[in-house]
Amino acid sequence: MEIEDIHKNVKILIGGIPYNVDEAEFMKPGKGRAIYRLKLRNLVNGSTADRTYHSGEKVEEAHTTNFEGQYLYQEGEHYVFMNTETFEQLLIDEKLLGNKKDFLKESMVVSILMMADQPIDITLPTFVELKVKVVESGVAPKRATITPQTKSAVMETGYAMAVPAFVKEGDVIKVDTRTGGYVERVGTKK
C-alpha cells in the first residue's frame, strides 16, 4: 500500500505488529518530496509512536476483521465473548482489555477487532449505564460555590469515579467510556 493511501483509522503492520493510524498529516516542503507524519497506536499493547514517511514509500496494510461480540462472563484472567452471528465463544485476556474491563456488563455487545485468529482490540459503546453501588458518605453540601461538588462512587463493575454530590447509592448513571467520566443520572434501580 502506498503511503499516499494512508488516512485516519487505517491499520498497518510495522515489524509484524499491527498499528492503528490515529492521525495522518501531509506536509509539502518547498523542495523535495512530500512528508507524511503519522501518529500510530500499537494495537497489541496500546503504546503510541510517531513515524515519518516520504511520498512513494510503501507500508504493509494489516488485514483485520471486525465482528460483534456479546460479553458473557469472566473466567479467571479471561473474559468470555460470544460472536453474535456464529455463536462461537472467544476468550480475551484481561491485559488486552486494559481499563475497558471497568465498563463491561453482562450481555453488553462490543466490536471485536481480529487479525488472523487473534483478537487485538475491542471497541466499547461510547456510553454505558452503570448502577452506583457505593458512594462516599459525609460530604456536606456547600453553598455558593463556583465549581461543582463531587464525591467518590463505586459502580456495579467495581469502577471507582467522581460523581456529582446529588448522586446516591442505587442511582443509574451514564458514563462516557472514552474518558471514564460522569455524563448524567438516568434513573434509580432498586
C-alpha atoms as a PDB file:
ATOM      1  CA  MET A   1       0.000   0.000   0.000  1.00  0.00           C
ATOM      2  CA  GLU A   2       1.347   3.436  -0.930  1.00  0.00           C
ATOM      3  CA  ILE A   3       1.833   5.961   1.880  1.00  0.00           C
ATOM      4  CA  GLU A   4      -0.424   8.345  -0.081  1.00  0.00           C
ATOM      5  CA  ASP A   5      -3.373   5.969   0.590  1.00  0.00           C
ATOM      6  CA  ILE A   6      -2.985   6.153   4.378  1.00  0.00           C
ATOM      7  CA  HIS A   7      -5.618   8.016   6.371  1.00  0.00           C
ATOM      8  CA  LYS A   8      -7.018   8.014   9.905  1.00  0.00           C
ATOM      9  CA  ASN A   9      -8.103   4.596  11.306  1.00  0.00           C
ATOM     10  CA  VAL A  10      -6.256   2.535   8.680  1.00  0.00           C
ATOM     11  CA  LYS A  11      -4.484  -0.488  10.197  1.00  0.00           C
ATOM     12  CA  ILE A  12      -0.847  -1.057   9.148  1.00  0.00           C
ATOM     13  CA  LEU A  13       1.880  -3.545  10.086  1.00  0.00           C
ATOM     14  CA  ILE A  14       5.308  -2.429  11.266  1.00  0.00           C
ATOM     15  CA  GLY A  15       7.663  -5.273  12.097  1.00  0.00           C
ATOM     16  CA  GLY A  16       4.716  -7.684  12.196  1.00  0.00           C
ATOM     17  CA  ILE A  17       2.903  -5.604  14.837  1.00  0.00           C
ATOM     18  CA  PRO A  18      -0.471  -4.040  13.939  1.00  0.00           C
ATOM     19  CA  TYR A  19      -0.865  -0.284  14.415  1.00  0.00           C
ATOM     20  CA  ASN A  20      -3.872   1.988  14.048  1.00  0.00           C
ATOM     21  CA  VAL A  21      -3.286   5.349  12.339  1.00  0.00           C
ATOM     22  CA  ASP A  22      -4.704   7.830  14.866  1.00  0.00           C
ATOM     23  CA  GLU A  23      -3.603  10.900  12.875  1.00  0.00           C
ATOM     24  CA  ALA A  24      -2.155  11.390   9.396  1.00  0.00           C
ATOM     25  CA  GLU A  25      -0.632  14.754   8.481  1.00  0.00           C
ATOM     26  CA  PHE A  26       0.518  15.674   4.969  1.00  0.00           C
ATOM     27  CA  MET A  27       3.273  18.296   4.563  1.00  0.00           C
ATOM     28  CA  LYS A  28       4.765  19.623   1.335  1.00  0.00           C
ATOM     29  CA  PRO A  29       8.069  21.405   1.926  1.00  0.00           C
ATOM     30  CA  GLY A  30       9.349  23.975  -0.568  1.00  0.00           C
ATOM     31  CA  LYS A  31      11.811  21.480  -2.026  1.00  0.00           C
ATOM     32  CA  GLY A  32      11.896  17.712  -2.108  1.00  0.00           C
ATOM     33  CA  ARG A  33       9.288  15.033  -1.643  1.00  0.00           C
ATOM     34  CA  ALA A  34       6.116  15.363   0.389  1.00  0.00           C
ATOM     35  CA  ILE A  35       6.249  14.182   4.004  1.00  0.00           C
ATOM     36  CA  TYR A  36       3.599  12.145   5.807  1.00  0.00           C
ATOM     37  CA  ARG A  37       3.637  12.280   9.604  1.00  0.00           C
ATOM     38  CA  LEU A  38       1.664   9.525  11.303  1.00  0.00           C
ATOM     39  CA  LYS A  39       0.613   9.157  14.929  1.00  0.00           C
ATOM     40  CA  LEU A  40       0.279   5.430  15.488  1.00  0.00           C
ATOM     41  CA  ARG A  41      -1.250   3.345  18.285  1.00  0.00           C
ATOM     42  CA  ASN A  42       0.074  -0.173  18.853  1.00  0.00           C
ATOM     43  CA  LEU A  43      -2.959  -2.496  18.820  1.00  0.00           C
ATOM     44  CA  VAL A  44      -1.178  -5.133  20.907  1.00  0.00           C
ATOM     45  CA  ASN A  45      -0.012  -3.106  23.919  1.00  0.00           C
ATOM     46  CA  GLY A  46      -1.650   0.316  23.406  1.00  0.00           C
ATOM     47  CA  SER A  47       1.595   2.316  23.210  1.00  0.00           C
ATOM     48  CA  THR A  48       1.862   5.215  20.773  1.00  0.00           C
ATOM     49  CA  ALA A  49       4.536   6.148  18.256  1.00  0.00           C
ATOM     50  CA  ASP A  50       5.211   8.871  15.693  1.00  0.00           C
ATOM     51  CA  ARG A  51       6.522   7.898  12.275  1.00  0.00           C
ATOM     52  CA  THR A  52       7.530   9.990   9.255  1.00  0.00           C
ATOM     53  CA  TYR A  53       7.348   8.713   5.680  1.00  0.00           C
ATOM     54  CA  HIS A  54       8.163  10.304   2.318  1.00  0.00           C
ATOM     55  CA  SER A  55       5.870  10.146  -0.700  1.00  0.00           C
ATOM     56  CA  GLY A  56       6.364   6.994  -2.737  1.00  0.00           C
ATOM     57  CA  GLU A  57       7.209   4.797   0.272  1.00  0.00           C
ATOM     58  CA  LYS A  58       5.183   1.661   0.852  1.00  0.00           C
ATOM     59  CA  VAL A  59       3.652   0.330   4.062  1.00  0.00           C
ATOM     60  CA  GLU A  60       2.093  -3.039   4.765  1.00  0.00           C
ATOM     61  CA  GLU A  61      -1.622  -2.993   5.443  1.00  0.00           C
ATOM     62  CA  ALA A  62      -2.839  -5.127   8.368  1.00  0.00           C
ATOM     63  CA  HIS A  63      -5.661  -7.386   7.256  1.00  0.00           C
ATOM     64  CA  THR A  64      -8.197  -7.255  10.045  1.00  0.00           C
ATOM     65  CA  THR A  65     -11.816  -8.233  10.522  1.00  0.00           C
ATOM     66  CA  ASN A  66     -14.473  -6.967  12.900  1.00  0.00           C
ATOM     67  CA  PHE A  67     -17.413  -8.748  14.446  1.00  0.00           C
ATOM     68  CA  GLU A  68     -19.915  -8.045  17.177  1.00  0.00           C
ATOM     69  CA  GLY A  69     -19.333  -9.964  20.369  1.00  0.00           C
ATOM     70  CA  GLN A  70     -21.565 -10.209  23.412  1.00  0.00           C
ATOM     71  CA  TYR A  71     -19.824 -10.224  26.789  1.00  0.00           C
ATOM     72  CA  LEU A  72     -20.883 -13.301  28.751  1.00  0.00           C
ATOM     73  CA  TYR A  73     -18.727 -13.659  31.883  1.00  0.00           C
ATOM     74  CA  GLN A  74     -15.252 -13.523  33.408  1.00  0.00           C
ATOM     75  CA  GLU A  75     -13.275 -16.723  33.848  1.00  0.00           C
ATOM     76  CA  GLY A  76     -10.106 -16.075  35.854  1.00  0.00           C
ATOM     77  CA  GLU A  77      -7.946 -13.640  33.873  1.00  0.00           C
ATOM     78  CA  HIS A  78     -10.001 -14.122  30.718  1.00  0.00           C
ATOM     79  CA  TYR A  79     -13.247 -12.568  29.546  1.00  0.00           C
ATOM     80  CA  VAL A  80     -15.639 -14.707  27.507  1.00  0.00           C
ATOM     81  CA  PHE A  81     -17.386 -13.163  24.490  1.00  0.00           C
ATOM     82  CA  MET A  82     -19.821 -14.781  22.066  1.00  0.00           C
ATOM     83  CA  ASN A  83     -19.851 -13.966  18.349  1.00  0.00           C
ATOM     84  CA  THR A  84     -23.425 -12.737  17.784  1.00  0.00           C
ATOM     85  CA  GLU A  85     -23.570 -14.305  14.286  1.00  0.00           C
ATOM     86  CA  THR A  86     -21.849 -17.687  14.716  1.00  0.00           C
ATOM     87  CA  PHE A  87     -22.442 -18.110  18.490  1.00  0.00           C
ATOM     88  CA  GLU A  88     -18.801 -19.221  18.897  1.00  0.00           C
ATOM     89  CA  GLN A  89     -17.169 -18.247  22.176  1.00  0.00           C
ATOM     90  CA  LEU A  90     -13.889 -16.345  22.350  1.00  0.00           C
ATOM     91  CA  LEU A  91     -11.652 -15.862  25.390  1.00  0.00           C
ATOM     92  CA  ILE A  92      -9.956 -12.459  25.592  1.00  0.00           C
ATOM     93  CA  ASP A  93      -7.085 -11.891  28.016  1.00  0.00           C
ATOM     94  CA  GLU A  94      -7.573  -9.241  30.706  1.00  0.00           C
ATOM     95  CA  LYS A  95      -4.353  -7.486  29.586  1.00  0.00           C
ATOM     96  CA  LEU A  96      -5.824  -6.831  26.134  1.00  0.00           C
ATOM     97  CA  LEU A  97      -8.883  -5.167  27.645  1.00  0.00           C
ATOM     98  CA  GLY A  98      -6.925  -2.818  29.903  1.00  0.00           C
ATOM     99  CA  ASN A  99      -9.228  -0.296  31.588  1.00  0.00           C
ATOM    100  CA  LYS A 100     -12.079  -1.202  29.205  1.00  0.00           C
ATOM    101  CA  LYS A 101     -12.963  -4.018  31.616  1.00  0.00           C
ATOM    102  CA  ASP A 102     -14.173  -1.343  34.080  1.00  0.00           C
ATOM    103  CA  PHE A 103     -17.195  -0.727  31.858  1.00  0.00           C
ATOM    104  CA  LEU A 104     -18.117  -4.293  30.831  1.00  0.00           C
ATOM    105  CA  LYS A 105     -21.525  -5.560  31.911  1.00  0.00           C
ATOM    106  CA  GLU A 106     -23.010  -8.964  31.164  1.00  0.00           C
ATOM    107  CA  SER A 107     -24.816  -9.088  27.786  1.00  0.00           C
ATOM    108  CA  MET A 108     -23.068  -5.905  26.531  1.00  0.00           C
ATOM    109  CA  VAL A 109     -22.336  -6.008  22.799  1.00  0.00           C
ATOM    110  CA  VAL A 110     -18.904  -4.746  21.705  1.00  0.00           C
ATOM    111  CA  SER A 111     -16.970  -4.664  18.433  1.00  0.00           C
ATOM    112  CA  ILE A 112     -14.022  -7.090  18.420  1.00  0.00           C
ATOM    113  CA  LEU A 113     -11.104  -6.475  16.040  1.00  0.00           C
ATOM    114  CA  MET A 114      -9.321  -9.634  14.885  1.00  0.00           C
ATOM    115  CA  MET A 115      -6.093 -10.192  12.955  1.00  0.00           C
ATOM    116  CA  ALA A 116      -5.974 -13.757  11.662  1.00  0.00           C
ATOM    117  CA  ASP A 117      -7.474 -15.735  14.590  1.00  0.00           C
ATOM    118  CA  GLN A 118      -6.145 -13.382  17.272  1.00  0.00           C
ATOM    119  CA  PRO A 119      -8.222 -10.663  18.970  1.00  0.00           C
ATOM    120  CA  ILE A 120      -6.240  -7.407  19.024  1.00  0.00           C
ATOM    121  CA  ASP A 121      -8.730  -4.780  20.240  1.00  0.00           C
ATOM    122  CA  ILE A 122     -12.294  -4.235  21.386  1.00  0.00           C
ATOM    123  CA  THR A 123     -14.425  -1.145  20.966  1.00  0.00           C
ATOM    124  CA  LEU A 124     -16.993  -0.401  23.646  1.00  0.00           C
ATOM    125  CA  PRO A 125     -20.197   1.569  23.149  1.00  0.00           C
ATOM    126  CA  THR A 126     -19.467   5.283  23.660  1.00  0.00           C
ATOM    127  CA  PHE A 127     -21.793   5.461  26.673  1.00  0.00           C
ATOM    128  CA  VAL A 128     -22.785   2.820  29.221  1.00  0.00           C
ATOM    129  CA  GLU A 129     -25.287   2.922  32.042  1.00  0.00           C
ATOM    130  CA  LEU A 130     -23.892   1.720  35.362  1.00  0.00           C
ATOM    131  CA  LYS A 131     -25.573   1.322  38.730  1.00  0.00           C
ATOM    132  CA  VAL A 132     -23.949   3.121  41.668  1.00  0.00           C
ATOM    133  CA  LYS A 133     -23.158   0.539  44.381  1.00  0.00           C
ATOM    134  CA  VAL A 134     -21.320   2.630  46.987  1.00  0.00           C
ATOM    135  CA  VAL A 135     -20.918   6.379  47.446  1.00  0.00           C
ATOM    136  CA  GLU A 136     -18.629   8.270  49.776  1.00  0.00           C
ATOM    137  CA  SER A 137     -20.540   9.410  52.842  1.00  0.00           C
ATOM    138  CA  GLY A 138     -20.181  12.575  54.852  1.00  0.00           C
ATOM    139  CA  VAL A 139     -19.978  15.090  52.027  1.00  0.00           C
ATOM    140  CA  ALA A 140     -21.560  18.222  53.430  1.00  0.00           C
ATOM    141  CA  PRO A 141     -23.423  20.373  50.910  1.00  0.00           C
ATOM    142  CA  LYS A 142     -21.621  23.640  50.289  1.00  0.00           C
ATOM    143  CA  ARG A 143     -23.307  26.867  49.369  1.00  0.00           C
ATOM    144  CA  ALA A 144     -22.428  29.497  46.795  1.00  0.00           C
ATOM    145  CA  THR A 145     -19.609  27.587  45.136  1.00  0.00           C
ATOM    146  CA  ILE A 146     -18.445  28.134  41.601  1.00  0.00           C
ATOM    147  CA  THR A 147     -17.117  24.612  40.997  1.00  0.00           C
ATOM    148  CA  PRO A 148     -19.495  21.650  41.190  1.00  0.00           C
ATOM    149  CA  GLN A 149     -19.112  19.453  44.254  1.00  0.00           C
ATOM    150  CA  THR A 150     -18.189  15.808  43.640  1.00  0.00           C
ATOM    151  CA  LYS A 151     -17.729  12.679  45.700  1.00  0.00           C
ATOM    152  CA  SER A 152     -16.290   9.222  45.099  1.00  0.00           C
ATOM    153  CA  ALA A 153     -18.519   6.380  43.971  1.00  0.00           C
ATOM    154  CA  VAL A 154     -18.027   2.724  43.060  1.00  0.00           C
ATOM    155  CA  MET A 155     -20.050   1.312  40.167  1.00  0.00           C
ATOM    156  CA  GLU A 156     -21.534  -2.182  39.813  1.00  0.00           C
ATOM    157  CA  THR A 157     -18.474  -3.220  37.762  1.00  0.00           C
ATOM    158  CA  GLY A 158     -16.053  -2.133  40.512  1.00  0.00           C
ATOM    159  CA  TYR A 159     -15.022   1.051  38.664  1.00  0.00           C
ATOM    160  CA  ALA A 160     -14.398   3.991  41.032  1.00  0.00           C
ATOM    161  CA  MET A 161     -15.076   7.509  39.802  1.00  0.00           C
ATOM    162  CA  ALA A 162     -16.088  11.017  40.821  1.00  0.00           C
ATOM    163  CA  VAL A 163     -19.811  11.822  40.644  1.00  0.00           C
ATOM    164  CA  PRO A 164     -21.829  14.943  41.498  1.00  0.00           C
ATOM    165  CA  ALA A 165     -22.834  15.355  45.149  1.00  0.00           C
ATOM    166  CA  PHE A 166     -26.532  14.621  44.413  1.00  0.00           C
ATOM    167  CA  VAL A 167     -25.856  11.062  43.138  1.00  0.00           C
ATOM    168  CA  LYS A 168     -26.747   8.360  45.673  1.00  0.00           C
ATOM    169  CA  GLU A 169     -26.498   4.575  46.000  1.00  0.00           C
ATOM    170  CA  GLY A 170     -28.862   2.788  43.644  1.00  0.00           C
ATOM    171  CA  ASP A 171     -28.828   5.542  41.016  1.00  0.00           C
ATOM    172  CA  VAL A 172     -28.080   4.583  37.431  1.00  0.00           C
ATOM    173  CA  ILE A 173     -25.696   6.965  35.683  1.00  0.00           C
ATOM    174  CA  LYS A 174     -24.434   7.321  32.136  1.00  0.00           C
ATOM    175  CA  VAL A 175     -20.630   7.070  31.833  1.00  0.00           C
ATOM    176  CA  ASP A 176     -18.502   8.038  28.822  1.00  0.00           C
ATOM    177  CA  THR A 177     -16.254   5.016  28.125  1.00  0.00           C
ATOM    178  CA  ARG A 178     -13.691   7.169  26.268  1.00  0.00           C
ATOM    179  CA  THR A 179     -12.956   9.380  29.292  1.00  0.00           C
ATOM    180  CA  GLY A 180     -14.378   7.356  32.187  1.00  0.00           C
ATOM    181  CA  GLY A 181     -16.321  10.450  33.250  1.00  0.00           C
ATOM    182  CA  TYR A 182     -19.834  11.066  34.517  1.00  0.00           C
ATOM    183  CA  VAL A 183     -22.362  12.240  31.897  1.00  0.00           C
ATOM    184  CA  GLU A 184     -25.780  12.243  33.586  1.00  0.00           C
ATOM    185  CA  ARG A 185     -28.081  10.454  36.007  1.00  0.00           C
ATOM    186  CA  VAL A 186     -30.597   8.338  34.096  1.00  0.00           C
ATOM    187  CA  GLY A 187     -32.644   6.755  36.881  1.00  0.00           C
ATOM    188  CA  THR A 188     -32.769   4.698  40.022  1.00  0.00           C
ATOM    189  CA  LYS A 189     -32.889   0.901  40.350  1.00  0.00           C
ATOM    190  CA  LYS A 190     -33.863  -0.918  43.475  1.00  0.00           C
END
